[in-house]
C-alpha atoms as a PDB file:
ATOM      1  CA  UNK A   1     198.795 270.581  19.803  1.00  0.00           C
ATOM      2  CA  UNK A   2     197.368 272.150  22.954  1.00  0.00           C
ATOM      3  CA  UNK A   3     199.071 270.971  26.109  1.00  0.00           C
ATOM      4  CA  UNK A   4     197.101 270.317  29.312  1.00  0.00           C
ATOM      5  CA  UNK A   5     198.958 273.162  31.029  1.00  0.00           C
ATOM      6  CA  UNK A   6     197.971 275.544  28.213  1.00  0.00           C
ATOM      7  CA  UNK A   7     194.365 274.416  28.545  1.00  0.00           C
ATOM      8  CA  UNK A   8     194.431 275.036  32.299  1.00  0.00           C
ATOM      9  CA  UNK A   9     195.914 278.516  31.777  1.00  0.00           C
ATOM     10  CA  UNK A  10     193.303 279.297  29.154  1.00  0.00           C
ATOM     11  CA  UNK A  11     190.500 278.181  31.466  1.00  0.00           C
ATOM     12  CA  UNK A  12     191.928 280.281  34.313  1.00  0.00           C
ATOM     13  CA  UNK A  13     192.129 283.321  32.044  1.00  0.00           C
ATOM     14  CA  UNK A  14     188.476 282.895  30.992  1.00  0.00           C
ATOM     15  CA  UNK A  15     187.460 282.446  34.620  1.00  0.00           C
ATOM     16  CA  UNK A  16     189.293 285.648  35.622  1.00  0.00           C
ATOM     17  CA  UNK A  17     187.566 287.586  32.847  1.00  0.00           C
ATOM     18  CA  UNK A  18     184.212 286.132  33.844  1.00  0.00           C
ATOM     19  CA  UNK A  19     184.875 287.038  37.482  1.00  0.00           C
ATOM     20  CA  UNK A  20     185.697 290.634  36.508  1.00  0.00           C
ATOM     21  CA  UNK A  21     182.533 290.907  34.445  1.00  0.00           C
ATOM     22  CA  UNK A  22     180.496 289.430  37.275  1.00  0.00           C
ATOM     23  CA  UNK A  23     181.992 291.942  39.715  1.00  0.00           C
ATOM     24  CA  UNK A  24     181.011 294.789  37.377  1.00  0.00           C
ATOM     25  CA  UNK A  25     177.489 293.390  37.101  1.00  0.00           C
ATOM     26  CA  UNK A  26     177.192 293.179  40.892  1.00  0.00           C
ATOM     27  CA  UNK A  27     178.374 296.793  41.193  1.00  0.00           C
ATOM     28  CA  UNK A  28     175.922 297.897  38.494  1.00  0.00           C
ATOM     29  CA  UNK A  29     173.052 296.072  40.189  1.00  0.00           C
ATOM     30  CA  UNK A  30     173.892 297.647  43.543  1.00  0.00           C
ATOM     31  CA  UNK A  31     173.946 301.071  41.900  1.00  0.00           C
ATOM     32  CA  UNK A  32     170.594 300.399  40.238  1.00  0.00           C
ATOM     33  CA  UNK A  33     169.088 299.322  43.570  1.00  0.00           C
ATOM     34  CA  UNK A  34     170.247 302.560  45.206  1.00  0.00           C
ATOM     35  CA  UNK A  35     168.837 304.605  42.348  1.00  0.00           C
ATOM     36  CA  UNK A  36     165.477 302.799  42.413  1.00  0.00           C
ATOM     37  CA  UNK A  37     165.305 303.327  46.178  1.00  0.00           C
ATOM     38  CA  UNK A  38     165.872 307.047  45.601  1.00  0.00           C
ATOM     39  CA  UNK A  39     163.128 307.148  42.984  1.00  0.00           C
ATOM     40  CA  UNK A  40     160.734 305.327  45.331  1.00  0.00           C
ATOM     41  CA  UNK A  41     161.507 307.754  48.157  1.00  0.00           C
ATOM     42  CA  UNK A  42     160.948 310.747  45.880  1.00  0.00           C
ATOM     43  CA  UNK A  43     157.701 309.272  44.597  1.00  0.00           C
ATOM     44  CA  UNK A  44     156.511 308.771  48.170  1.00  0.00           C
ATOM     45  CA  UNK A  45     157.242 312.460  48.779  1.00  0.00           C
ATOM     46  CA  UNK A  46     155.194 313.416  45.730  1.00  0.00           C
ATOM     47  CA  UNK A  47     152.308 311.280  46.982  1.00  0.00           C
ATOM     48  CA  UNK A  48     152.453 312.969  50.392  1.00  0.00           C
ATOM     49  CA  UNK A  49     152.304 316.385  48.734  1.00  0.00           C
ATOM     50  CA  UNK A  50     149.375 315.335  46.560  1.00  0.00           C
ATOM     51  CA  UNK A  51     147.541 314.004  49.623  1.00  0.00           C
ATOM     52  CA  UNK A  52     148.023 317.334  51.412  1.00  0.00           C
ATOM     53  CA  UNK A  53     146.836 319.237  48.349  1.00  0.00           C
ATOM     54  CA  UNK A  54     143.783 316.976  48.142  1.00  0.00           C
ATOM     55  CA  UNK A  55     142.987 317.699  51.796  1.00  0.00           C
ATOM     56  CA  UNK A  56     143.365 321.424  51.229  1.00  0.00           C
ATOM     57  CA  UNK A  57     141.143 321.292  48.161  1.00  0.00           C
ATOM     58  CA  UNK A  58     138.485 319.433  50.164  1.00  0.00           C
ATOM     59  CA  UNK A  59     138.562 322.175  52.829  1.00  0.00           C
ATOM     60  CA  UNK A  60     138.275 324.932  50.211  1.00  0.00           C
ATOM     61  CA  UNK A  61     135.334 323.190  48.545  1.00  0.00           C
ATOM     62  CA  UNK A  62     133.567 322.778  51.888  1.00  0.00           C
ATOM     63  CA  UNK A  63     134.118 326.444  52.822  1.00  0.00           C
ATOM     64  CA  UNK A  64     132.805 327.595  49.476  1.00  0.00           C
ATOM     65  CA  UNK A  65     129.936 325.153  49.860  1.00  0.00           C
ATOM     66  CA  UNK A  66     130.722 323.531  46.552  1.00  0.00           C
ATOM     67  CA  UNK A  67     130.168 320.065  48.000  1.00  0.00           C
ATOM     68  CA  UNK A  68     127.884 318.593  50.627  1.00  0.00           C
ATOM     69  CA  UNK A  69     129.475 318.304  54.075  1.00  0.00           C
END
């Protein structure tokens, strides 16, 4: 027969395990947020480079008179 004290200890043990798992999930989510932020920043850098290349290509095409001004 399970005693009320045993039940309380069992519940506390499950709650501690749940709390540890939740802490790990919070840490993992924080890490994922930092990594996604890094990816977004790098992607923004790629877009800036592509925009500059597009501008340069437009200038080259105009100088070579490949497009109308």
